[in-house]
Amino acid sequence: MWALLAVPALAAVFTMTRHIQRRLITLTIQNDRLRYEAGFLSKTTRTMELGQIQDVRVDQTFGQRLLNIGDLSLETAGETSRIVIESIDRPQEAADHILELSRARHPNV
């Protein structure tokens, strides 16, 4: 009997945890820079020049496509230059917007 109640409770905890993790990640664009911040107690911040972004990729599973969420990857030149943001809302719109801003700010790149 208790096992039947544990399954929905675990599913609810997992869903709540994923939701909180998604809300603790921000991606902002300021002038010619893109800033990625993640974390709650400890925070990671990465800043990229919009003109240095070489590749913007969107990955979506079938389930993510149904919910219009996906993983957004931003890449610049260098070894540790990839930022992967998991399960963001409307990932293709975000990717297109980042590429438009990059081209507008640096048309020769």
C-alpha atoms as a PDB file:
ATOM      1  CA  MET A   1       0.000   0.000   0.000  1.00  0.00           C
ATOM      2  CA  TRP A   2       2.758   2.492   0.930  1.00  0.00           C
ATOM      3  CA  ALA A   3       4.688   1.619  -2.212  1.00  0.00           C
ATOM      4  CA  LEU A   4       1.762   2.812  -4.321  1.00  0.00           C
ATOM      5  CA  LEU A   5       1.886   6.191  -2.593  1.00  0.00           C
ATOM      6  CA  ALA A   6       5.663   6.456  -2.894  1.00  0.00           C
ATOM      7  CA  VAL A   7       5.685   6.423  -6.713  1.00  0.00           C
ATOM      8  CA  PRO A   8       3.578   9.605  -7.181  1.00  0.00           C
ATOM      9  CA  ALA A   9       5.430  11.290  -4.317  1.00  0.00           C
ATOM     10  CA  LEU A  10       8.811  10.567  -5.928  1.00  0.00           C
ATOM     11  CA  ALA A  11       7.521  11.780  -9.285  1.00  0.00           C
ATOM     12  CA  ALA A  12       6.326  15.017  -7.665  1.00  0.00           C
ATOM     13  CA  VAL A  13       9.675  15.572  -5.926  1.00  0.00           C
ATOM     14  CA  PHE A  14      11.564  14.933  -9.172  1.00  0.00           C
ATOM     15  CA  THR A  15       9.316  17.346 -11.088  1.00  0.00           C
ATOM     16  CA  MET A  16       9.631  20.029  -8.419  1.00  0.00           C
ATOM     17  CA  THR A  17      13.426  19.665  -8.318  1.00  0.00           C
ATOM     18  CA  ARG A  18      13.709  20.026 -12.114  1.00  0.00           C
ATOM     19  CA  HIS A  19      11.438  23.082 -12.053  1.00  0.00           C
ATOM     20  CA  ILE A  20      13.529  24.789  -9.376  1.00  0.00           C
ATOM     21  CA  GLN A  21      16.764  24.003 -11.246  1.00  0.00           C
ATOM     22  CA  ARG A  22      15.329  25.536 -14.431  1.00  0.00           C
ATOM     23  CA  ARG A  23      14.326  28.701 -12.592  1.00  0.00           C
ATOM     24  CA  LEU A  24      17.817  29.164 -11.104  1.00  0.00           C
ATOM     25  CA  ILE A  25      19.393  29.638 -14.545  1.00  0.00           C
ATOM     26  CA  THR A  26      19.358  33.008 -16.287  1.00  0.00           C
ATOM     27  CA  LEU A  27      20.592  34.047 -19.687  1.00  0.00           C
ATOM     28  CA  THR A  28      20.833  37.812 -20.238  1.00  0.00           C
ATOM     29  CA  ILE A  29      22.152  39.926 -23.074  1.00  0.00           C
ATOM     30  CA  GLN A  30      23.784  43.227 -22.179  1.00  0.00           C
ATOM     31  CA  ASN A  31      25.319  45.380 -24.911  1.00  0.00           C
ATOM     32  CA  ASP A  32      27.738  43.075 -26.774  1.00  0.00           C
ATOM     33  CA  ARG A  33      27.831  40.338 -24.124  1.00  0.00           C
ATOM     34  CA  LEU A  34      25.788  37.309 -23.246  1.00  0.00           C
ATOM     35  CA  ARG A  35      25.798  36.343 -19.564  1.00  0.00           C
ATOM     36  CA  TYR A  36      24.874  32.874 -18.260  1.00  0.00           C
ATOM     37  CA  GLU A  37      24.260  32.475 -14.518  1.00  0.00           C
ATOM     38  CA  ALA A  38      23.369  29.250 -12.727  1.00  0.00           C
ATOM     39  CA  GLY A  39      23.109  28.278  -9.089  1.00  0.00           C
ATOM     40  CA  PHE A  40      21.461  29.126  -5.803  1.00  0.00           C
ATOM     41  CA  LEU A  41      23.882  28.932  -2.890  1.00  0.00           C
ATOM     42  CA  SER A  42      26.955  28.817  -5.085  1.00  0.00           C
ATOM     43  CA  LYS A  43      26.702  30.588  -8.417  1.00  0.00           C
ATOM     44  CA  THR A  44      28.468  30.087 -11.728  1.00  0.00           C
ATOM     45  CA  THR A  45      28.643  33.004 -14.155  1.00  0.00           C
ATOM     46  CA  ARG A  46      30.002  32.875 -17.698  1.00  0.00           C
ATOM     47  CA  THR A  47      30.161  35.802 -20.066  1.00  0.00           C
ATOM     48  CA  MET A  48      30.572  35.524 -23.840  1.00  0.00           C
ATOM     49  CA  GLU A  49      31.072  38.199 -26.455  1.00  0.00           C
ATOM     50  CA  LEU A  50      28.171  38.051 -28.915  1.00  0.00           C
ATOM     51  CA  GLY A  51      30.593  38.441 -31.820  1.00  0.00           C
ATOM     52  CA  GLN A  52      32.592  35.408 -30.642  1.00  0.00           C
ATOM     53  CA  ILE A  53      29.652  32.992 -30.729  1.00  0.00           C
ATOM     54  CA  GLN A  54      30.335  30.499 -33.499  1.00  0.00           C
ATOM     55  CA  ASP A  55      27.560  27.970 -33.071  1.00  0.00           C
ATOM     56  CA  VAL A  56      24.096  27.968 -31.534  1.00  0.00           C
ATOM     57  CA  ARG A  57      22.461  24.560 -31.403  1.00  0.00           C
ATOM     58  CA  VAL A  58      19.034  23.382 -30.240  1.00  0.00           C
ATOM     59  CA  ASP A  59      18.498  19.750 -29.222  1.00  0.00           C
ATOM     60  CA  GLN A  60      14.993  18.458 -28.503  1.00  0.00           C
ATOM     61  CA  THR A  61      13.698  15.015 -27.705  1.00  0.00           C
ATOM     62  CA  PHE A  62      10.223  14.078 -28.900  1.00  0.00           C
ATOM     63  CA  GLY A  63       8.760  14.816 -25.472  1.00  0.00           C
ATOM     64  CA  GLN A  64      10.520  18.183 -25.350  1.00  0.00           C
ATOM     65  CA  ARG A  65       9.161  19.061 -28.788  1.00  0.00           C
ATOM     66  CA  LEU A  66       5.633  18.400 -27.567  1.00  0.00           C
ATOM     67  CA  LEU A  67       6.185  20.799 -24.647  1.00  0.00           C
ATOM     68  CA  ASN A  68       8.160  23.343 -26.743  1.00  0.00           C
ATOM     69  CA  ILE A  69      11.244  23.079 -24.531  1.00  0.00           C
ATOM     70  CA  GLY A  70      14.762  21.964 -25.380  1.00  0.00           C
ATOM     71  CA  ASP A  71      18.484  22.211 -24.734  1.00  0.00           C
ATOM     72  CA  LEU A  72      20.365  25.240 -26.060  1.00  0.00           C
ATOM     73  CA  SER A  73      24.125  24.980 -26.738  1.00  0.00           C
ATOM     74  CA  LEU A  74      26.277  28.049 -27.318  1.00  0.00           C
ATOM     75  CA  GLU A  75      29.821  27.622 -28.534  1.00  0.00           C
ATOM     76  CA  THR A  76      32.789  29.919 -29.092  1.00  0.00           C
ATOM     77  CA  ALA A  77      36.365  29.201 -30.100  1.00  0.00           C
ATOM     78  CA  GLY A  78      38.431  27.418 -27.457  1.00  0.00           C
ATOM     79  CA  GLU A  79      38.458  24.210 -25.459  1.00  0.00           C
ATOM     80  CA  THR A  80      36.001  25.052 -22.673  1.00  0.00           C
ATOM     81  CA  SER A  81      33.807  27.389 -24.630  1.00  0.00           C
ATOM     82  CA  ARG A  82      30.496  25.527 -24.685  1.00  0.00           C
ATOM     83  CA  ILE A  83      27.526  26.474 -22.555  1.00  0.00           C
ATOM     84  CA  VAL A  84      24.633  24.010 -22.479  1.00  0.00           C
ATOM     85  CA  ILE A  85      21.363  25.247 -21.022  1.00  0.00           C
ATOM     86  CA  GLU A  86      18.985  22.367 -20.466  1.00  0.00           C
ATOM     87  CA  SER A  87      15.210  22.426 -20.831  1.00  0.00           C
ATOM     88  CA  ILE A  88      14.583  26.057 -21.705  1.00  0.00           C
ATOM     89  CA  ASP A  89      11.254  27.324 -22.998  1.00  0.00           C
ATOM     90  CA  ARG A  90      11.046  28.091 -26.740  1.00  0.00           C
ATOM     91  CA  PRO A  91      14.683  27.164 -27.469  1.00  0.00           C
ATOM     92  CA  GLN A  92      14.548  27.848 -31.211  1.00  0.00           C
ATOM     93  CA  GLU A  93      13.273  31.388 -30.630  1.00  0.00           C
ATOM     94  CA  ALA A  94      16.099  31.982 -28.156  1.00  0.00           C
ATOM     95  CA  ALA A  95      18.689  30.609 -30.612  1.00  0.00           C
ATOM     96  CA  ASP A  96      17.370  32.775 -33.465  1.00  0.00           C
ATOM     97  CA  HIS A  97      17.356  35.864 -31.233  1.00  0.00           C
ATOM     98  CA  ILE A  98      20.955  35.285 -30.108  1.00  0.00           C
ATOM     99  CA  LEU A  99      22.107  34.828 -33.710  1.00  0.00           C
ATOM    100  CA  GLU A 100      20.254  37.970 -34.839  1.00  0.00           C
ATOM    101  CA  LEU A 101      21.856  40.045 -32.089  1.00  0.00           C
ATOM    102  CA  SER A 102      25.264  38.596 -32.858  1.00  0.00           C
ATOM    103  CA  ARG A 103      24.958  39.506 -36.545  1.00  0.00           C
ATOM    104  CA  ALA A 104      23.531  42.965 -35.797  1.00  0.00           C
ATOM    105  CA  ARG A 105      26.366  43.835 -33.431  1.00  0.00           C
ATOM    106  CA  HIS A 106      29.119  42.290 -35.540  1.00  0.00           C
ATOM    107  CA  PRO A 107      28.010  42.206 -39.202  1.00  0.00           C
ATOM    108  CA  ASN A 108      31.473  41.228 -40.489  1.00  0.00           C
ATOM    109  CA  VAL A 109      31.673  38.073 -38.393  1.00  0.00           C
END
